[in-house]
C-alpha atoms as a PDB file:
ATOM      1  CA  UNK A   1      -5.892 -23.929  -6.041  1.00  0.00           C
ATOM      2  CA  UNK A   2      -3.950 -25.210  -3.091  1.00  0.00           C
ATOM      3  CA  UNK A   3      -0.646 -23.277  -2.238  1.00  0.00           C
ATOM      4  CA  UNK A   4       2.238 -26.233  -2.603  1.00  0.00           C
ATOM      5  CA  UNK A   5       5.429 -23.912  -3.949  1.00  0.00           C
ATOM      6  CA  UNK A   6       6.765 -20.620  -1.912  1.00  0.00           C
ATOM      7  CA  UNK A   7      10.022 -19.162  -2.847  1.00  0.00           C
ATOM      8  CA  UNK A   8      11.242 -16.230  -0.014  1.00  0.00           C
ATOM      9  CA  UNK A   9      13.531 -14.186  -1.154  1.00  0.00           C
ATOM     10  CA  UNK A  10      16.387 -14.060   2.140  1.00  0.00           C
ATOM     11  CA  UNK A  11      17.833 -10.936   3.887  1.00  0.00           C
ATOM     12  CA  UNK A  12      21.203 -10.519   4.076  1.00  0.00           C
ATOM     13  CA  UNK A  13      21.199  -9.603   7.892  1.00  0.00           C
ATOM     14  CA  UNK A  14      19.313  -9.560  10.293  1.00  0.00           C
ATOM     15  CA  UNK A  15      16.804 -12.356  11.817  1.00  0.00           C
ATOM     16  CA  UNK A  16      15.314 -13.505   8.812  1.00  0.00           C
ATOM     17  CA  UNK A  17      11.516 -12.528   9.017  1.00  0.00           C
ATOM     18  CA  UNK A  18      10.267 -13.480   5.831  1.00  0.00           C
ATOM     19  CA  UNK A  19      11.995 -16.535   5.769  1.00  0.00           C
ATOM     20  CA  UNK A  20      10.665 -17.917   8.676  1.00  0.00           C
ATOM     21  CA  UNK A  21       7.123 -16.343   7.842  1.00  0.00           C
ATOM     22  CA  UNK A  22       7.620 -18.513   5.010  1.00  0.00           C
ATOM     23  CA  UNK A  23       8.685 -21.293   6.729  1.00  0.00           C
ATOM     24  CA  UNK A  24       6.055 -21.348   9.302  1.00  0.00           C
ATOM     25  CA  UNK A  25       3.229 -20.694   6.028  1.00  0.00           C
ATOM     26  CA  UNK A  26       4.711 -23.650   4.041  1.00  0.00           C
ATOM     27  CA  UNK A  27       4.479 -25.678   7.117  1.00  0.00           C
ATOM     28  CA  UNK A  28       0.775 -24.579   7.558  1.00  0.00           C
ATOM     29  CA  UNK A  29      -0.039 -25.256   4.194  1.00  0.00           C
ATOM     30  CA  UNK A  30       2.317 -28.030   3.291  1.00  0.00           C
ATOM     31  CA  UNK A  31       4.195 -26.781   0.647  1.00  0.00           C
ATOM     32  CA  UNK A  32       7.757 -26.882  -0.083  1.00  0.00           C
ATOM     33  CA  UNK A  33       9.434 -23.390   0.816  1.00  0.00           C
ATOM     34  CA  UNK A  34      12.641 -22.227  -1.613  1.00  0.00           C
ATOM     35  CA  UNK A  35      14.991 -20.000   0.003  1.00  0.00           C
ATOM     36  CA  UNK A  36      16.579 -17.502  -2.418  1.00  0.00           C
ATOM     37  CA  UNK A  37      19.801 -15.826  -1.334  1.00  0.00           C
ATOM     38  CA  UNK A  38      20.789 -12.907  -4.090  1.00  0.00           C
ATOM     39  CA  UNK A  39      24.589 -12.120  -4.400  1.00  0.00           C
ATOM     40  CA  UNK A  40      24.959  -8.272  -5.486  1.00  0.00           C
ATOM     41  CA  UNK A  41      27.550  -7.966  -8.027  1.00  0.00           C
ATOM     42  CA  UNK A  42      29.643  -4.522  -7.873  1.00  0.00           C
ATOM     43  CA  UNK A  43      28.925  -2.300 -10.801  1.00  0.00           C
ATOM     44  CA  UNK A  44      31.937  -1.106 -12.462  1.00  0.00           C
ATOM     45  CA  UNK A  45      31.316   2.758 -13.459  1.00  0.00           C
ATOM     46  CA  UNK A  46      31.746   3.418 -16.929  1.00  0.00           C
ATOM     47  CA  UNK A  47      33.338   7.390 -15.930  1.00  0.00           C
ATOM     48  CA  UNK A  48      35.808   5.579 -13.956  1.00  0.00           C
ATOM     49  CA  UNK A  49      39.218   8.085 -14.870  1.00  0.00           C
ATOM     50  CA  UNK A  50      41.224   4.239 -15.046  1.00  0.00           C
ATOM     51  CA  UNK A  51      40.330   0.809 -14.690  1.00  0.00           C
ATOM     52  CA  UNK A  52      39.649  -0.638 -11.419  1.00  0.00           C
ATOM     53  CA  UNK A  53      42.340  -2.972  -9.442  1.00  0.00           C
ATOM     54  CA  UNK A  54      41.357  -6.713 -10.640  1.00  0.00           C
ATOM     55  CA  UNK A  55      42.157  -7.253  -6.559  1.00  0.00           C
ATOM     56  CA  UNK A  56      39.629  -5.132  -5.640  1.00  0.00           C
ATOM     57  CA  UNK A  57      36.488  -6.585  -8.072  1.00  0.00           C
ATOM     58  CA  UNK A  58      37.432 -10.065  -7.181  1.00  0.00           C
ATOM     59  CA  UNK A  59      37.476  -9.158  -3.187  1.00  0.00           C
ATOM     60  CA  UNK A  60      33.765  -7.618  -3.832  1.00  0.00           C
ATOM     61  CA  UNK A  61      33.288 -10.469  -5.720  1.00  0.00           C
ATOM     62  CA  UNK A  62      34.185 -12.684  -3.236  1.00  0.00           C
ATOM     63  CA  UNK A  63      32.360 -10.806  -0.406  1.00  0.00           C
ATOM     64  CA  UNK A  64      29.017 -11.033  -2.235  1.00  0.00           C
ATOM     65  CA  UNK A  65      28.751 -14.416  -2.855  1.00  0.00           C
ATOM     66  CA  UNK A  66      30.269 -15.242   0.655  1.00  0.00           C
ATOM     67  CA  UNK A  67      26.994 -12.775   2.311  1.00  0.00           C
ATOM     68  CA  UNK A  68      24.552 -14.730   0.007  1.00  0.00           C
ATOM     69  CA  UNK A  69      25.750 -18.168   1.007  1.00  0.00           C
ATOM     70  CA  UNK A  70      25.537 -17.047   5.035  1.00  0.00           C
ATOM     71  CA  UNK A  71      22.088 -16.042   4.408  1.00  0.00           C
ATOM     72  CA  UNK A  72      21.772 -19.822   2.655  1.00  0.00           C
ATOM     73  CA  UNK A  73      23.268 -21.007   5.421  1.00  0.00           C
ATOM     74  CA  UNK A  74      20.813 -19.298   7.690  1.00  0.00           C
ATOM     75  CA  UNK A  75      18.011 -20.393   5.888  1.00  0.00           C
ATOM     76  CA  UNK A  76      18.839 -24.124   5.829  1.00  0.00           C
ATOM     77  CA  UNK A  77      19.053 -24.257   9.561  1.00  0.00           C
ATOM     78  CA  UNK A  78      15.796 -22.579   9.773  1.00  0.00           C
ATOM     79  CA  UNK A  79      14.074 -25.021   7.486  1.00  0.00           C
ATOM     80  CA  UNK A  80      15.755 -28.153   9.187  1.00  0.00           C
ATOM     81  CA  UNK A  81      14.327 -26.830  12.422  1.00  0.00           C
ATOM     82  CA  UNK A  82      10.662 -25.835  10.938  1.00  0.00           C
ATOM     83  CA  UNK A  83      10.868 -29.551   9.296  1.00  0.00           C
ATOM     84  CA  UNK A  84       9.366 -27.577   5.600  1.00  0.00           C
ATOM     85  CA  UNK A  85      10.280 -29.638   2.493  1.00  0.00           C
ATOM     86  CA  UNK A  86      12.758 -27.013   1.086  1.00  0.00           C
ATOM     87  CA  UNK A  87      15.184 -26.607  -0.906  1.00  0.00           C
ATOM     88  CA  UNK A  88      17.879 -23.109  -1.271  1.00  0.00           C
ATOM     89  CA  UNK A  89      19.789 -21.412  -4.284  1.00  0.00           C
ATOM     90  CA  UNK A  90      22.091 -18.539  -5.016  1.00  0.00           C
ATOM     91  CA  UNK A  91      21.053 -15.924  -7.451  1.00  0.00           C
ATOM     92  CA  UNK A  92      23.755 -13.680  -8.953  1.00  0.00           C
ATOM     93  CA  UNK A  93      22.924 -10.257 -10.321  1.00  0.00           C
ATOM     94  CA  UNK A  94      25.074  -6.543 -10.606  1.00  0.00           C
ATOM     95  CA  UNK A  95      24.180  -4.192  -8.339  1.00  0.00           C
ATOM     96  CA  UNK A  96      21.315  -1.418 -10.055  1.00  0.00           C
ATOM     97  CA  UNK A  97      21.363  -4.156 -13.093  1.00  0.00           C
ATOM     98  CA  UNK A  98      18.577  -6.419 -14.371  1.00  0.00           C
ATOM     99  CA  UNK A  99      16.666  -8.776 -12.067  1.00  0.00           C
ATOM    100  CA  UNK A 100      15.932 -11.365 -14.608  1.00  0.00           C
ATOM    101  CA  UNK A 101      18.048 -13.574 -12.715  1.00  0.00           C
ATOM    102  CA  UNK A 102      15.858 -13.330  -9.529  1.00  0.00           C
ATOM    103  CA  UNK A 103      12.614 -13.534 -11.850  1.00  0.00           C
ATOM    104  CA  UNK A 104      13.291 -16.947 -13.545  1.00  0.00           C
ATOM    105  CA  UNK A 105      13.033 -18.693  -9.990  1.00  0.00           C
ATOM    106  CA  UNK A 106       9.828 -16.256  -8.946  1.00  0.00           C
ATOM    107  CA  UNK A 107       7.521 -17.134 -11.753  1.00  0.00           C
ATOM    108  CA  UNK A 108       7.246 -21.525 -11.444  1.00  0.00           C
ATOM    109  CA  UNK A 109       5.977 -20.903  -7.860  1.00  0.00           C
ATOM    110  CA  UNK A 110       2.478 -20.321  -6.093  1.00  0.00           C
ATOM    111  CA  UNK A 111       3.892 -16.984  -4.025  1.00  0.00           C
ATOM    112  CA  UNK A 112       6.955 -15.125  -3.299  1.00  0.00           C
ATOM    113  CA  UNK A 113       7.743 -14.365   0.173  1.00  0.00           C
ATOM    114  CA  UNK A 114      10.095 -11.519   0.809  1.00  0.00           C
ATOM    115  CA  UNK A 115      10.567  -8.594   3.645  1.00  0.00           C
ATOM    116  CA  UNK A 116       9.887  -5.422   3.982  1.00  0.00           C
ATOM    117  CA  UNK A 117      12.762  -2.536   3.355  1.00  0.00           C
ATOM    118  CA  UNK A 118      14.146  -1.962   6.872  1.00  0.00           C
ATOM    119  CA  UNK A 119      15.721   1.281   7.226  1.00  0.00           C
ATOM    120  CA  UNK A 120      17.707   0.321  10.258  1.00  0.00           C
ATOM    121  CA  UNK A 121      19.262  -2.296   8.145  1.00  0.00           C
ATOM    122  CA  UNK A 122      18.770  -1.885   4.826  1.00  0.00           C
ATOM    123  CA  UNK A 123      19.146  -4.542   1.933  1.00  0.00           C
ATOM    124  CA  UNK A 124      20.543  -3.493  -1.315  1.00  0.00           C
ATOM    125  CA  UNK A 125      18.173  -3.216  -4.246  1.00  0.00           C
ATOM    126  CA  UNK A 126      15.399  -4.306  -1.761  1.00  0.00           C
ATOM    127  CA  UNK A 127      12.292  -1.770  -2.914  1.00  0.00           C
ATOM    128  CA  UNK A 128      13.322  -2.491  -6.843  1.00  0.00           C
ATOM    129  CA  UNK A 129      13.019  -5.928  -5.555  1.00  0.00           C
ATOM    130  CA  UNK A 130      10.094  -5.429  -4.498  1.00  0.00           C
ATOM    131  CA  UNK A 131       8.485  -3.622  -7.217  1.00  0.00           C
ATOM    132  CA  UNK A 132       9.736  -5.982  -9.625  1.00  0.00           C
ATOM    133  CA  UNK A 133       8.460  -9.464  -8.064  1.00  0.00           C
ATOM    134  CA  UNK A 134       4.980  -7.573  -7.833  1.00  0.00           C
ATOM    135  CA  UNK A 135       4.446  -6.774 -11.331  1.00  0.00           C
ATOM    136  CA  UNK A 136       6.759  -8.912 -13.283  1.00  0.00           C
ATOM    137  CA  UNK A 137       6.870 -11.985 -12.046  1.00  0.00           C
ATOM    138  CA  UNK A 138       3.066 -12.820 -12.623  1.00  0.00           C
ATOM    139  CA  UNK A 139       2.304 -14.367  -8.936  1.00  0.00           C
ATOM    140  CA  UNK A 140       1.465 -12.964  -5.569  1.00  0.00           C
ATOM    141  CA  UNK A 141       4.031 -11.385  -3.521  1.00  0.00           C
ATOM    142  CA  UNK A 142       3.306 -11.851   0.654  1.00  0.00           C
ATOM    143  CA  UNK A 143       4.933  -8.606   1.903  1.00  0.00           C
ATOM    144  CA  UNK A 144       6.480  -9.353   5.913  1.00  0.00           C
ATOM    145  CA  UNK A 145       7.111  -6.091   7.940  1.00  0.00           C
ATOM    146  CA  UNK A 146      10.764  -5.525   9.514  1.00  0.00           C
ATOM    147  CA  UNK A 147       9.438  -6.551  12.675  1.00  0.00           C
ATOM    148  CA  UNK A 148       8.630  -9.622  11.769  1.00  0.00           C
ATOM    149  CA  UNK A 149       5.077 -11.501  12.764  1.00  0.00           C
ATOM    150  CA  UNK A 150       3.258 -12.985  15.828  1.00  0.00           C
ATOM    151  CA  UNK A 151       0.583 -15.245  13.457  1.00  0.00           C
ATOM    152  CA  UNK A 152       1.498 -17.726  11.259  1.00  0.00           C
ATOM    153  CA  UNK A 153      -1.822 -18.632  10.372  1.00  0.00           C
ATOM    154  CA  UNK A 154      -3.629 -15.369  10.036  1.00  0.00           C
ATOM    155  CA  UNK A 155      -7.198 -15.901  11.031  1.00  0.00           C
ATOM    156  CA  UNK A 156      -8.285 -12.218  11.125  1.00  0.00           C
ATOM    157  CA  UNK A 157      -7.898 -11.055   7.785  1.00  0.00           C
ATOM    158  CA  UNK A 158      -8.576  -7.681   5.901  1.00  0.00           C
ATOM    159  CA  UNK A 159      -9.570  -7.762   2.500  1.00  0.00           C
ATOM    160  CA  UNK A 160      -9.619  -4.153   0.667  1.00  0.00           C
ATOM    161  CA  UNK A 161     -11.941  -4.422  -2.607  1.00  0.00           C
ATOM    162  CA  UNK A 162     -12.591  -1.593  -4.989  1.00  0.00           C
ATOM    163  CA  UNK A 163     -13.865  -3.640  -7.950  1.00  0.00           C
ATOM    164  CA  UNK A 164     -10.768  -3.314  -9.996  1.00  0.00           C
ATOM    165  CA  UNK A 165      -8.757  -6.208 -11.334  1.00  0.00           C
ATOM    166  CA  UNK A 166      -5.717  -6.108  -9.386  1.00  0.00           C
ATOM    167  CA  UNK A 167      -7.878  -6.369  -6.107  1.00  0.00           C
ATOM    168  CA  UNK A 168      -9.796  -9.855  -7.709  1.00  0.00           C
ATOM    169  CA  UNK A 169      -6.438 -11.187  -8.870  1.00  0.00           C
ATOM    170  CA  UNK A 170      -5.593 -11.192  -5.255  1.00  0.00           C
ATOM    171  CA  UNK A 171      -8.221 -12.054  -3.428  1.00  0.00           C
ATOM    172  CA  UNK A 172      -8.212 -15.888  -5.614  1.00  0.00           C
ATOM    173  CA  UNK A 173      -4.674 -15.723  -5.151  1.00  0.00           C
ATOM    174  CA  UNK A 174      -5.468 -15.675  -1.068  1.00  0.00           C
ATOM    175  CA  UNK A 175      -8.035 -18.138  -1.372  1.00  0.00           C
ATOM    176  CA  UNK A 176      -6.353 -21.164   0.253  1.00  0.00           C
ATOM    177  CA  UNK A 177      -5.141 -18.346   3.002  1.00  0.00           C
ATOM    178  CA  UNK A 178      -8.475 -17.108   3.033  1.00  0.00           C
ATOM    179  CA  UNK A 179     -10.392 -20.660   3.546  1.00  0.00           C
ATOM    180  CA  UNK A 180      -8.252 -21.146   6.816  1.00  0.00           C
ATOM    181  CA  UNK A 181      -9.044 -17.882   8.521  1.00  0.00           C
ATOM    182  CA  UNK A 182     -11.528 -17.260  11.244  1.00  0.00           C
ATOM    183  CA  UNK A 183     -12.895 -13.694  10.361  1.00  0.00           C
ATOM    184  CA  UNK A 184     -12.653 -11.699   6.819  1.00  0.00           C
ATOM    185  CA  UNK A 185     -13.621  -8.383   6.836  1.00  0.00           C
ATOM    186  CA  UNK A 186     -14.158  -6.644   3.140  1.00  0.00           C
ATOM    187  CA  UNK A 187     -13.225  -3.098   3.488  1.00  0.00           C
ATOM    188  CA  UNK A 188     -14.519  -0.518   0.610  1.00  0.00           C
ATOM    189  CA  UNK A 189     -13.693   2.683   1.015  1.00  0.00           C
ATOM    190  CA  UNK A 190     -15.789   5.276  -1.608  1.00  0.00           C
ATOM    191  CA  UNK A 191     -15.416   8.963  -1.671  1.00  0.00           C
ATOM    192  CA  UNK A 192     -19.155   9.252  -1.869  1.00  0.00           C
ATOM    193  CA  UNK A 193     -21.901   6.959  -1.003  1.00  0.00           C
ATOM    194  CA  UNK A 194     -23.041   4.751  -4.147  1.00  0.00           C
ATOM    195  CA  UNK A 195     -25.926   3.411  -1.579  1.00  0.00           C
ATOM    196  CA  UNK A 196     -28.400   3.331  -4.994  1.00  0.00           C
ATOM    197  CA  UNK A 197     -26.316   0.974  -6.623  1.00  0.00           C
ATOM    198  CA  UNK A 198     -26.334  -1.638  -3.846  1.00  0.00           C
ATOM    199  CA  UNK A 199     -24.256  -2.441  -1.386  1.00  0.00           C
ATOM    200  CA  UNK A 200     -20.835  -1.891  -2.361  1.00  0.00           C
ATOM    201  CA  UNK A 201     -18.939  -5.268  -2.231  1.00  0.00           C
ATOM    202  CA  UNK A 202     -21.778  -7.569  -1.680  1.00  0.00           C
ATOM    203  CA  UNK A 203     -21.227  -9.800  -4.778  1.00  0.00           C
ATOM    204  CA  UNK A 204     -17.773 -10.527  -3.936  1.00  0.00           C
ATOM    205  CA  UNK A 205     -18.833 -10.902  -0.454  1.00  0.00           C
ATOM    206  CA  UNK A 206     -21.504 -13.679  -1.852  1.00  0.00           C
ATOM    207  CA  UNK A 207     -18.522 -15.159  -3.840  1.00  0.00           C
ATOM    208  CA  UNK A 208     -16.601 -15.745  -1.017  1.00  0.00           C
ATOM    209  CA  UNK A 209     -19.142 -16.833   1.320  1.00  0.00           C
ATOM    210  CA  UNK A 210     -20.314 -19.633  -1.400  1.00  0.00           C
ATOM    211  CA  UNK A 211     -16.853 -20.743  -0.678  1.00  0.00           C
ATOM    212  CA  UNK A 212     -17.834 -21.398   3.148  1.00  0.00           C
ATOM    213  CA  UNK A 213     -16.373 -17.937   4.617  1.00  0.00           C
ATOM    214  CA  UNK A 214     -17.748 -16.258   6.866  1.00  0.00           C
ATOM    215  CA  UNK A 215     -17.071 -12.495   5.699  1.00  0.00           C
ATOM    216  CA  UNK A 216     -18.144  -9.159   6.748  1.00  0.00           C
ATOM    217  CA  UNK A 217     -18.418  -5.997   4.866  1.00  0.00           C
ATOM    218  CA  UNK A 218     -16.823  -2.679   6.321  1.00  0.00           C
ATOM    219  CA  UNK A 219     -17.810   1.006   3.832  1.00  0.00           C
ATOM    220  CA  UNK A 220     -16.261   3.370   4.366  1.00  0.00           C
ATOM    221  CA  UNK A 221     -17.647   6.753   2.994  1.00  0.00           C
ATOM    222  CA  UNK A 222     -15.355  10.270   2.713  1.00  0.00           C
ATOM    223  CA  UNK A 223     -12.653   8.807   4.950  1.00  0.00           C
ATOM    224  CA  UNK A 224     -11.156  11.711   7.089  1.00  0.00           C
ATOM    225  CA  UNK A 225      -7.806  10.179   6.218  1.00  0.00           C
ATOM    226  CA  UNK A 226      -6.246   8.860   3.075  1.00  0.00           C
ATOM    227  CA  UNK A 227      -6.883   5.458   1.533  1.00  0.00           C
ATOM    228  CA  UNK A 228      -3.556   3.941   3.445  1.00  0.00           C
ATOM    229  CA  UNK A 229      -4.017   5.401   6.532  1.00  0.00           C
ATOM    230  CA  UNK A 230      -7.638   4.235   6.489  1.00  0.00           C
ATOM    231  CA  UNK A 231      -6.380   0.313   6.124  1.00  0.00           C
ATOM    232  CA  UNK A 232      -3.396   0.530   8.873  1.00  0.00           C
ATOM    233  CA  UNK A 233      -5.995   2.111  10.914  1.00  0.00           C
ATOM    234  CA  UNK A 234      -8.477  -0.772  10.519  1.00  0.00           C
ATOM    235  CA  UNK A 235      -5.651  -2.705  10.838  1.00  0.00           C
ATOM    236  CA  UNK A 236      -4.500  -1.213  14.473  1.00  0.00           C
ATOM    237  CA  UNK A 237      -8.510  -0.898  15.652  1.00  0.00           C
ATOM    238  CA  UNK A 238      -9.214  -4.476  14.452  1.00  0.00           C
ATOM    239  CA  UNK A 239      -6.425  -6.386  15.132  1.00  0.00           C
ATOM    240  CA  UNK A 240      -6.326  -7.840  11.289  1.00  0.00           C
ATOM    241  CA  UNK A 241      -3.270 -10.446  10.905  1.00  0.00           C
ATOM    242  CA  UNK A 242      -2.937  -9.764   7.096  1.00  0.00           C
ATOM    243  CA  UNK A 243      -3.851  -7.534   4.594  1.00  0.00           C
ATOM    244  CA  UNK A 244      -5.278  -8.798   1.128  1.00  0.00           C
ATOM    245  CA  UNK A 245      -5.055  -6.111  -1.499  1.00  0.00           C
ATOM    246  CA  UNK A 246      -4.263  -5.851  -5.328  1.00  0.00           C
ATOM    247  CA  UNK A 247      -0.558  -3.390  -6.034  1.00  0.00           C
ATOM    248  CA  UNK A 248      -0.539  -0.592  -8.354  1.00  0.00           C
ATOM    249  CA  UNK A 249       2.063   1.010 -10.103  1.00  0.00           C
ATOM    250  CA  UNK A 250       3.867   1.593 -13.089  1.00  0.00           C
ATOM    251  CA  UNK A 251       6.428  -1.085 -13.472  1.00  0.00           C
ATOM    252  CA  UNK A 252       8.668   0.281 -16.265  1.00  0.00           C
ATOM    253  CA  UNK A 253       9.586   3.597 -14.590  1.00  0.00           C
ATOM    254  CA  UNK A 254      12.821   3.966 -13.406  1.00  0.00           C
ATOM    255  CA  UNK A 255      11.630   5.102 -10.168  1.00  0.00           C
ATOM    256  CA  UNK A 256       9.982   3.376  -7.456  1.00  0.00           C
ATOM    257  CA  UNK A 257       6.164   4.612  -8.220  1.00  0.00           C
ATOM    258  CA  UNK A 258       4.093   2.346  -6.597  1.00  0.00           C
ATOM    259  CA  UNK A 259       0.306   3.741  -6.512  1.00  0.00           C
ATOM    260  CA  UNK A 260       0.585   6.078  -3.711  1.00  0.00           C
ATOM    261  CA  UNK A 261      -1.739   4.438  -1.138  1.00  0.00           C
ATOM    262  CA  UNK A 262       0.008   0.739  -2.256  1.00  0.00           C
ATOM    263  CA  UNK A 263       3.276   2.328  -1.323  1.00  0.00           C
ATOM    264  CA  UNK A 264       2.499   4.440   1.826  1.00  0.00           C
ATOM    265  CA  UNK A 265       0.785   0.961   3.099  1.00  0.00           C
ATOM    266  CA  UNK A 266       4.324  -1.071   2.189  1.00  0.00           C
ATOM    267  CA  UNK A 267       5.694   1.516   3.962  1.00  0.00           C
ATOM    268  CA  UNK A 268       4.194   1.561   7.371  1.00  0.00           C
ATOM    269  CA  UNK A 269       2.685  -1.714   7.365  1.00  0.00           C
ATOM    270  CA  UNK A 270       2.498  -3.758  10.742  1.00  0.00           C
ATOM    271  CA  UNK A 271       1.216  -7.143   9.504  1.00  0.00           C
ATOM    272  CA  UNK A 272       1.781  -9.095   6.604  1.00  0.00           C
ATOM    273  CA  UNK A 273       0.230  -7.951   3.189  1.00  0.00           C
ATOM    274  CA  UNK A 274      -0.785 -10.338  -0.068  1.00  0.00           C
ATOM    275  CA  UNK A 275      -0.370  -8.587  -3.311  1.00  0.00           C
ATOM    276  CA  UNK A 276      -1.124  -9.138  -6.633  1.00  0.00           C
ATOM    277  CA  UNK A 277      -1.038  -7.048  -9.710  1.00  0.00           C
END
């Protein structure tokens, strides 16, 4: 199914790398792009010794709304310059509270684009937003590194394949992107050789080939580094401009508990990563 509707969660500071990627991506796919600015409302501590001053709460509320509206305004101008069909919205949530007000905007779309957490310009609840959207929205998520991306039409794509349902969903979600790529590498990482069972990844490579895609299988057996480092090293050495992979984790835990490899890749990614769960 083509990608015709994209939602991007806007940064409240910085150069909006995710919004820029979403708009260029939307232009390449003739898609409508919605920018969602999230207003993070202040929380009144339940253990406060005295009621919080009304003036303070109102000022904090106004500041949160103003920051979201400024991000919305920046997106509107970026979208105007890109010439993409677009709209923009503001959603209010309590800081540290439920994210259902964000999820309702994410579910009726083909893809959500969100920026990687930036340690130099941290966004409120960014890790929790990524986790929640990936595990609870039901749609694929494209994560953009905070350093931005120079390629908005991926041509050299790395697909992580382990035979899982999440990797399968990621591939199906990425088909419209993969069809436009010049080169696709199917990366299989094995702890030990399984040559007796045939070429690992051959079935899914054949599936993609039937969609007129050029696919190369690369099998790495017993890597000397962890899975995340093996993937990131391949990206660096091969010049991949997009990674497609399944996302693992426990969305209902209080802590941000992606699977180890998933979290490490998201922390160290240098190119966009398209994930599905």
